[in-house]
All heavy atoms as atom14 arrays in JSON, in Angstrom:
{
  "sequence": "ALAKLPHEFSGGQRQRLMIALSLLPQPQLVIADEPT",
  "atom14_mask": [
    [1, 1, 1, 1, 1, 0, 0, 0, 0, 0, 0, 0, 0, 0],
    [1, 1, 1, 1, 1, 1, 1, 1, 0, 0, 0, 0, 0, 0],
    [1, 1, 1, 1, 1, 0, 0, 0, 0, 0, 0, 0, 0, 0],
    [1, 1, 1, 1, 1, 1, 1, 1, 1, 0, 0, 0, 0, 0],
    [1, 1, 1, 1, 1, 1, 1, 1, 0, 0, 0, 0, 0, 0],
    [1, 1, 1, 1, 1, 1, 1, 0, 0, 0, 0, 0, 0, 0],
    [1, 1, 1, 1, 1, 1, 1, 1, 1, 1, 0, 0, 0, 0],
    [1, 1, 1, 1, 1, 1, 1, 1, 1, 0, 0, 0, 0, 0],
    [1, 1, 1, 1, 1, 1, 1, 1, 1, 1, 1, 0, 0, 0],
    [1, 1, 1, 1, 1, 1, 0, 0, 0, 0, 0, 0, 0, 0],
    [1, 1, 1, 1, 0, 0, 0, 0, 0, 0, 0, 0, 0, 0],
    [1, 1, 1, 1, 0, 0, 0, 0, 0, 0, 0, 0, 0, 0],
    [1, 1, 1, 1, 1, 1, 1, 1, 1, 0, 0, 0, 0, 0],
    [1, 1, 1, 1, 1, 1, 1, 1, 1, 1, 1, 0, 0, 0],
    [1, 1, 1, 1, 1, 1, 1, 1, 1, 0, 0, 0, 0, 0],
    [1, 1, 1, 1, 1, 1, 1, 1, 1, 1, 1, 0, 0, 0],
    [1, 1, 1, 1, 1, 1, 1, 1, 0, 0, 0, 0, 0, 0],
    [1, 1, 1, 1, 1, 1, 1, 1, 0, 0, 0, 0, 0, 0],
    [1, 1, 1, 1, 1, 1, 1, 1, 0, 0, 0, 0, 0, 0],
    [1, 1, 1, 1, 1, 0, 0, 0, 0, 0, 0, 0, 0, 0],
    [1, 1, 1, 1, 1, 1, 1, 1, 0, 0, 0, 0, 0, 0],
    [1, 1, 1, 1, 1, 1, 0, 0, 0, 0, 0, 0, 0, 0],
    [1, 1, 1, 1, 1, 1, 1, 1, 0, 0, 0, 0, 0, 0],
    [1, 1, 1, 1, 1, 1, 1, 1, 0, 0, 0, 0, 0, 0],
    [1, 1, 1, 1, 1, 1, 1, 0, 0, 0, 0, 0, 0, 0],
    [1, 1, 1, 1, 1, 1, 1, 1, 1, 0, 0, 0, 0, 0],
    [1, 1, 1, 1, 1, 1, 1, 0, 0, 0, 0, 0, 0, 0],
    [1, 1, 1, 1, 1, 1, 1, 1, 1, 0, 0, 0, 0, 0],
    [1, 1, 1, 1, 1, 1, 1, 1, 0, 0, 0, 0, 0, 0],
    [1, 1, 1, 1, 1, 1, 1, 0, 0, 0, 0, 0, 0, 0],
    [1, 1, 1, 1, 1, 1, 1, 1, 0, 0, 0, 0, 0, 0],
    [1, 1, 1, 1, 1, 0, 0, 0, 0, 0, 0, 0, 0, 0],
    [1, 1, 1, 1, 1, 1, 1, 1, 0, 0, 0, 0, 0, 0],
    [1, 1, 1, 1, 1, 1, 1, 1, 1, 0, 0, 0, 0, 0],
    [1, 1, 1, 1, 1, 1, 1, 0, 0, 0, 0, 0, 0, 0],
    [1, 1, 1, 1, 1, 1, 1, 0, 0, 0, 0, 0, 0, 0]
  ],
  "atom14_positions": [
    [[3.5, 17.52, 6.44], [2.79, 16.3, 6.06], [2.66, 15.34, 7.24], [1.6, 14.71, 7.44], [3.51, 15.6, 4.92], [0.0, 0.0, 0.0], [0.0, 0.0, 0.0], [0.0, 0.0, 0.0], [0.0, 0.0, 0.0], [0.0, 0.0, 0.0], [0.0, 0.0, 0.0], [0.0, 0.0, 0.0], [0.0, 0.0, 0.0], [0.0, 0.0, 0.0]],
    [[3.7, 15.23, 8.05], [3.66, 14.28, 9.16], [2.65, 14.67, 10.23], [2.26, 13.82, 11.05], [5.06, 14.16, 9.77], [6.12, 13.51, 8.87], [7.47, 13.49, 9.57], [5.7, 12.11, 8.47], [0.0, 0.0, 0.0], [0.0, 0.0, 0.0], [0.0, 0.0, 0.0], [0.0, 0.0, 0.0], [0.0, 0.0, 0.0], [0.0, 0.0, 0.0]],
    [[2.21, 15.92, 10.25], [1.21, 16.36, 11.23], [-0.22, 16.15, 10.72], [-1.17, 16.37, 11.47], [1.43, 17.83, 11.56], [0.0, 0.0, 0.0], [0.0, 0.0, 0.0], [0.0, 0.0, 0.0], [0.0, 0.0, 0.0], [0.0, 0.0, 0.0], [0.0, 0.0, 0.0], [0.0, 0.0, 0.0], [0.0, 0.0, 0.0], [0.0, 0.0, 0.0]],
    [[-0.38, 15.71, 9.47], [-1.71, 15.57, 8.88], [-2.32, 14.22, 9.22], [-1.62, 13.23, 9.48], [-1.64, 15.73, 7.37], [-1.28, 17.13, 6.9], [-1.27, 17.18, 5.37], [-0.94, 18.58, 4.86], [-0.93, 18.64, 3.38], [0.0, 0.0, 0.0], [0.0, 0.0, 0.0], [0.0, 0.0, 0.0], [0.0, 0.0, 0.0], [0.0, 0.0, 0.0]],
    [[-3.66, 14.17, 9.14], [-4.39, 12.92, 9.28], [-4.44, 12.2, 7.93], [-4.32, 12.84, 6.87], [-5.81, 13.18, 9.78], [-5.92, 13.72, 11.22], [-7.35, 14.15, 11.52], [-5.44, 12.69, 12.23], [0.0, 0.0, 0.0], [0.0, 0.0, 0.0], [0.0, 0.0, 0.0], [0.0, 0.0, 0.0], [0.0, 0.0, 0.0], [0.0, 0.0, 0.0]],
    [[-4.64, 10.88, 7.91], [-4.61, 10.13, 6.65], [-5.57, 10.63, 5.59], [-5.25, 10.63, 4.4], [-4.98, 8.71, 7.1], [-4.47, 8.63, 8.5], [-4.71, 9.99, 9.08], [0.0, 0.0, 0.0], [0.0, 0.0, 0.0], [0.0, 0.0, 0.0], [0.0, 0.0, 0.0], [0.0, 0.0, 0.0], [0.0, 0.0, 0.0], [0.0, 0.0, 0.0]],
    [[-6.77, 11.11, 6.0], [-7.75, 11.53, 5.0], [-7.32, 12.79, 4.25], [-7.92, 13.14, 3.22], [-9.13, 11.75, 5.65], [-9.22, 13.02, 6.44], [-8.96, 13.06, 7.81], [-9.53, 14.29, 6.08], [-9.12, 14.3, 8.23], [-9.46, 15.08, 7.21], [0.0, 0.0, 0.0], [0.0, 0.0, 0.0], [0.0, 0.0, 0.0], [0.0, 0.0, 0.0]],
    [[-6.29, 13.46, 4.73], [-5.81, 14.67, 4.06], [-4.85, 14.35, 2.9], [-4.36, 15.27, 2.26], [-5.13, 15.58, 5.08], [-6.07, 16.08, 6.18], [-5.37, 16.96, 7.18], [-5.21, 18.17, 6.89], [-4.99, 16.46, 8.26], [0.0, 0.0, 0.0], [0.0, 0.0, 0.0], [0.0, 0.0, 0.0], [0.0, 0.0, 0.0], [0.0, 0.0, 0.0]],
    [[-4.59, 13.08, 2.67], [-3.73, 12.66, 1.57], [-4.56, 11.95, 0.51], [-5.56, 11.29, 0.81], [-2.64, 11.7, 2.07], [-1.66, 12.32, 3.02], [-1.9, 12.27, 4.39], [-0.51, 12.94, 2.58], [-1.01, 12.84, 5.3], [0.4, 13.5, 3.46], [0.14, 13.45, 4.82], [0.0, 0.0, 0.0], [0.0, 0.0, 0.0], [0.0, 0.0, 0.0]],
    [[-4.11, 12.05, -0.75], [-4.76, 11.29, -1.83], [-4.34, 9.83, -1.74], [-3.42, 9.46, -0.99], [-4.32, 11.85, -3.18], [-2.94, 11.6, -3.41], [0.0, 0.0, 0.0], [0.0, 0.0, 0.0], [0.0, 0.0, 0.0], [0.0, 0.0, 0.0], [0.0, 0.0, 0.0], [0.0, 0.0, 0.0], [0.0, 0.0, 0.0], [0.0, 0.0, 0.0]],
    [[-5.01, 8.97, -2.52], [-4.65, 7.55, -2.53], [-3.22, 7.32, -2.96], [-2.5, 6.5, -2.37], [0.0, 0.0, 0.0], [0.0, 0.0, 0.0], [0.0, 0.0, 0.0], [0.0, 0.0, 0.0], [0.0, 0.0, 0.0], [0.0, 0.0, 0.0], [0.0, 0.0, 0.0], [0.0, 0.0, 0.0], [0.0, 0.0, 0.0], [0.0, 0.0, 0.0]],
    [[-2.78, 8.04, -3.99], [-1.4, 7.9, -4.44], [-0.4, 8.34, -3.4], [0.65, 7.7, -3.21], [0.0, 0.0, 0.0], [0.0, 0.0, 0.0], [0.0, 0.0, 0.0], [0.0, 0.0, 0.0], [0.0, 0.0, 0.0], [0.0, 0.0, 0.0], [0.0, 0.0, 0.0], [0.0, 0.0, 0.0], [0.0, 0.0, 0.0], [0.0, 0.0, 0.0]],
    [[-0.71, 9.42, -2.68], [0.19, 9.89, -1.62], [0.25, 8.88, -0.47], [1.31, 8.63, 0.1], [-0.27, 11.25, -1.11], [-0.01, 12.39, -2.07], [-0.56, 13.71, -1.56], [-1.63, 13.77, -0.95], [0.17, 14.79, -1.8], [0.0, 0.0, 0.0], [0.0, 0.0, 0.0], [0.0, 0.0, 0.0], [0.0, 0.0, 0.0], [0.0, 0.0, 0.0]],
    [[-0.89, 8.29, -0.15], [-0.89, 7.29, 0.91], [-0.05, 6.06, 0.52], [0.64, 5.48, 1.36], [-2.31, 6.87, 1.26], [-2.91, 7.74, 2.36], [-4.31, 7.32, 2.72], [-5.27, 7.93, 1.81], [-6.56, 8.08, 2.08], [-7.05, 7.66, 3.21], [-7.37, 8.65, 1.22], [0.0, 0.0, 0.0], [0.0, 0.0, 0.0], [0.0, 0.0, 0.0]],
    [[-0.1, 5.69, -0.75], [0.72, 4.56, -1.16], [2.19, 4.93, -1.17], [3.06, 4.09, -0.87], [0.27, 4.03, -2.53], [0.6, 2.58, -2.81], [0.01, 1.62, -1.8], [0.35, 1.64, -0.62], [-0.88, 0.75, -2.25], [0.0, 0.0, 0.0], [0.0, 0.0, 0.0], [0.0, 0.0, 0.0], [0.0, 0.0, 0.0], [0.0, 0.0, 0.0]],
    [[2.53, 6.18, -1.47], [3.91, 6.64, -1.34], [4.37, 6.56, 0.12], [5.5, 6.17, 0.41], [4.04, 8.08, -1.84], [3.93, 8.23, -3.35], [3.9, 9.7, -3.75], [3.67, 9.86, -5.18], [4.64, 9.9, -6.1], [5.92, 9.82, -5.73], [4.35, 10.03, -7.38], [0.0, 0.0, 0.0], [0.0, 0.0, 0.0], [0.0, 0.0, 0.0]],
    [[3.47, 6.91, 1.03], [3.79, 6.82, 2.45], [4.0, 5.36, 2.88], [4.88, 5.06, 3.7], [2.69, 7.46, 3.29], [2.58, 8.99, 3.19], [1.26, 9.47, 3.79], [3.76, 9.67, 3.89], [0.0, 0.0, 0.0], [0.0, 0.0, 0.0], [0.0, 0.0, 0.0], [0.0, 0.0, 0.0], [0.0, 0.0, 0.0], [0.0, 0.0, 0.0]],
    [[3.22, 4.45, 2.3], [3.41, 3.03, 2.61], [4.73, 2.52, 2.07], [5.41, 1.7, 2.7], [2.25, 2.2, 2.05], [0.93, 2.37, 2.79], [1.04, 2.11, 4.58], [1.76, 0.48, 4.68], [0.0, 0.0, 0.0], [0.0, 0.0, 0.0], [0.0, 0.0, 0.0], [0.0, 0.0, 0.0], [0.0, 0.0, 0.0], [0.0, 0.0, 0.0]],
    [[5.14, 3.0, 0.9], [6.46, 2.63, 0.37], [7.54, 3.14, 1.3], [8.51, 2.42, 1.62], [6.64, 3.19, -1.06], [5.69, 2.46, -2.03], [8.09, 3.05, -1.53], [5.68, 3.06, -3.43], [0.0, 0.0, 0.0], [0.0, 0.0, 0.0], [0.0, 0.0, 0.0], [0.0, 0.0, 0.0], [0.0, 0.0, 0.0], [0.0, 0.0, 0.0]],
    [[7.38, 4.39, 1.76], [8.35, 4.95, 2.71], [8.43, 4.1, 3.97], [9.52, 3.76, 4.45], [7.97, 6.39, 3.06], [0.0, 0.0, 0.0], [0.0, 0.0, 0.0], [0.0, 0.0, 0.0], [0.0, 0.0, 0.0], [0.0, 0.0, 0.0], [0.0, 0.0, 0.0], [0.0, 0.0, 0.0], [0.0, 0.0, 0.0], [0.0, 0.0, 0.0]],
    [[7.28, 3.71, 4.5], [7.24, 2.93, 5.74], [7.87, 1.56, 5.54], [8.52, 1.03, 6.44], [5.8, 2.8, 6.21], [5.56, 2.3, 7.64], [6.3, 3.16, 8.65], [4.07, 2.28, 7.95], [0.0, 0.0, 0.0], [0.0, 0.0, 0.0], [0.0, 0.0, 0.0], [0.0, 0.0, 0.0], [0.0, 0.0, 0.0], [0.0, 0.0, 0.0]],
    [[7.7, 0.98, 4.36], [8.26, -0.35, 4.09], [9.78, -0.31, 3.96], [10.46, -1.3, 4.23], [7.65, -0.94, 2.82], [8.14, -0.3, 1.65], [0.0, 0.0, 0.0], [0.0, 0.0, 0.0], [0.0, 0.0, 0.0], [0.0, 0.0, 0.0], [0.0, 0.0, 0.0], [0.0, 0.0, 0.0], [0.0, 0.0, 0.0], [0.0, 0.0, 0.0]],
    [[10.34, 0.84, 3.54], [11.78, 0.93, 3.32], [12.54, 1.47, 4.53], [13.75, 1.27, 4.63], [12.06, 1.82, 2.1], [11.6, 1.26, 0.75], [11.82, 2.29, -0.35], [12.32, -0.04, 0.41], [0.0, 0.0, 0.0], [0.0, 0.0, 0.0], [0.0, 0.0, 0.0], [0.0, 0.0, 0.0], [0.0, 0.0, 0.0], [0.0, 0.0, 0.0]],
    [[11.86, 2.14, 5.45], [12.52, 2.73, 6.61], [13.29, 1.72, 7.47], [14.39, 2.03, 7.95], [11.51, 3.49, 7.46], [11.22, 4.93, 7.02], [9.98, 5.45, 7.72], [12.42, 5.83, 7.31], [0.0, 0.0, 0.0], [0.0, 0.0, 0.0], [0.0, 0.0, 0.0], [0.0, 0.0, 0.0], [0.0, 0.0, 0.0], [0.0, 0.0, 0.0]],
    [[12.79, 0.51, 7.68], [13.56, -0.45, 8.49], [14.78, -1.02, 7.76], [15.48, -1.86, 8.33], [12.54, -1.57, 8.78], [11.2, -0.94, 8.58], [11.42, 0.03, 7.45], [0.0, 0.0, 0.0], [0.0, 0.0, 0.0], [0.0, 0.0, 0.0], [0.0, 0.0, 0.0], [0.0, 0.0, 0.0], [0.0, 0.0, 0.0], [0.0, 0.0, 0.0]],
    [[15.03, -0.6, 6.51], [16.13, -1.1, 5.69], [16.03, -2.61, 5.52], [16.95, -3.37, 5.86], [17.47, -0.7, 6.3], [17.67, 0.81, 6.38], [18.98, 1.21, 7.05], [19.85, 0.39, 7.29], [19.12, 2.51, 7.34], [0.0, 0.0, 0.0], [0.0, 0.0, 0.0], [0.0, 0.0, 0.0], [0.0, 0.0, 0.0], [0.0, 0.0, 0.0]],
    [[14.9, -3.07, 4.95], [14.68, -4.52, 4.83], [15.51, -5.13, 3.71], [16.06, -4.43, 2.85], [13.18, -4.59, 4.49], [12.95, -3.34, 3.7], [13.8, -2.29, 4.37], [0.0, 0.0, 0.0], [0.0, 0.0, 0.0], [0.0, 0.0, 0.0], [0.0, 0.0, 0.0], [0.0, 0.0, 0.0], [0.0, 0.0, 0.0], [0.0, 0.0, 0.0]],
    [[15.56, -6.46, 3.71], [16.15, -7.19, 2.6], [15.08, -7.54, 1.55], [15.39, -7.7, 0.38], [16.81, -8.48, 3.11], [18.01, -8.24, 4.01], [18.42, -9.5, 4.73], [17.88, -9.85, 5.78], [19.4, -10.21, 4.17], [0.0, 0.0, 0.0], [0.0, 0.0, 0.0], [0.0, 0.0, 0.0], [0.0, 0.0, 0.0], [0.0, 0.0, 0.0]],
    [[13.83, -7.71, 2.0], [12.74, -8.11, 1.11], [11.49, -7.3, 1.43], [11.12, -7.16, 2.59], [12.43, -9.61, 1.3], [11.21, -10.17, 0.56], [11.4, -10.09, -0.96], [10.92, -11.6, 0.99], [0.0, 0.0, 0.0], [0.0, 0.0, 0.0], [0.0, 0.0, 0.0], [0.0, 0.0, 0.0], [0.0, 0.0, 0.0], [0.0, 0.0, 0.0]],
    [[10.86, -6.77, 0.38], [9.57, -6.1, 0.5], [8.54, -6.93, -0.26], [8.76, -7.3, -1.42], [9.61, -4.68, -0.08], [8.21, -4.06, -0.1], [10.56, -3.8, 0.71], [0.0, 0.0, 0.0], [0.0, 0.0, 0.0], [0.0, 0.0, 0.0], [0.0, 0.0, 0.0], [0.0, 0.0, 0.0], [0.0, 0.0, 0.0], [0.0, 0.0, 0.0]],
    [[7.43, -7.24, 0.39], [6.33, -7.94, -0.27], [5.26, -6.91, -0.58], [4.69, -6.29, 0.32], [5.77, -9.06, 0.61], [6.85, -10.14, 0.83], [4.52, -9.67, -0.01], [6.42, -11.29, 1.71], [0.0, 0.0, 0.0], [0.0, 0.0, 0.0], [0.0, 0.0, 0.0], [0.0, 0.0, 0.0], [0.0, 0.0, 0.0], [0.0, 0.0, 0.0]],
    [[5.02, -6.7, -1.87], [4.03, -5.72, -2.33], [2.85, -6.47, -2.94], [2.97, -7.07, -4.01], [4.67, -4.78, -3.36], [0.0, 0.0, 0.0], [0.0, 0.0, 0.0], [0.0, 0.0, 0.0], [0.0, 0.0, 0.0], [0.0, 0.0, 0.0], [0.0, 0.0, 0.0], [0.0, 0.0, 0.0], [0.0, 0.0, 0.0], [0.0, 0.0, 0.0]],
    [[1.73, -6.45, -2.25], [0.56, -7.23, -2.66], [-0.39, -6.35, -3.48], [-1.22, -5.64, -2.93], [-0.15, -7.79, -1.42], [-1.31, -8.72, -1.78], [-1.35, -9.2, -2.93], [-2.16, -8.96, -0.91], [0.0, 0.0, 0.0], [0.0, 0.0, 0.0], [0.0, 0.0, 0.0], [0.0, 0.0, 0.0], [0.0, 0.0, 0.0], [0.0, 0.0, 0.0]],
    [[-0.24, -6.39, -4.79], [-1.05, -5.6, -5.71], [-1.18, -4.15, -5.24], [-2.29, -3.64, -5.05], [-2.43, -6.25, -5.89], [-2.34, -7.71, -6.33], [-3.59, -8.21, -7.03], [-4.17, -7.46, -7.81], [-3.96, -9.36, -6.79], [0.0, 0.0, 0.0], [0.0, 0.0, 0.0], [0.0, 0.0, 0.0], [0.0, 0.0, 0.0], [0.0, 0.0, 0.0]],
    [[-0.06, -3.45, -5.04], [-0.1, -2.15, -4.38], [-0.68, -1.02, -5.21], [-0.89, 0.07, -4.68], [1.38, -1.88, -4.07], [2.12, -2.6, -5.15], [1.32, -3.84, -5.39], [0.0, 0.0, 0.0], [0.0, 0.0, 0.0], [0.0, 0.0, 0.0], [0.0, 0.0, 0.0], [0.0, 0.0, 0.0], [0.0, 0.0, 0.0], [0.0, 0.0, 0.0]],
    [[-0.95, -1.25, -6.5], [-1.5, -0.17, -7.33], [-2.93, -0.45, -7.78], [-3.48, 0.32, -8.57], [-0.61, 0.05, -8.58], [-0.55, -1.16, -9.35], [0.8, 0.45, -8.17], [0.0, 0.0, 0.0], [0.0, 0.0, 0.0], [0.0, 0.0, 0.0], [0.0, 0.0, 0.0], [0.0, 0.0, 0.0], [0.0, 0.0, 0.0], [0.0, 0.0, 0.0]]
  ]
}
């Protein structure tokens, strides 16, 4: 998956990837602006 380009993922998969990216830095607060 990490070798693929963005267009090779569905919208739901891309939003899962954004959730992953938001949690990787181990934040205290995540701001989700109408993510669905």
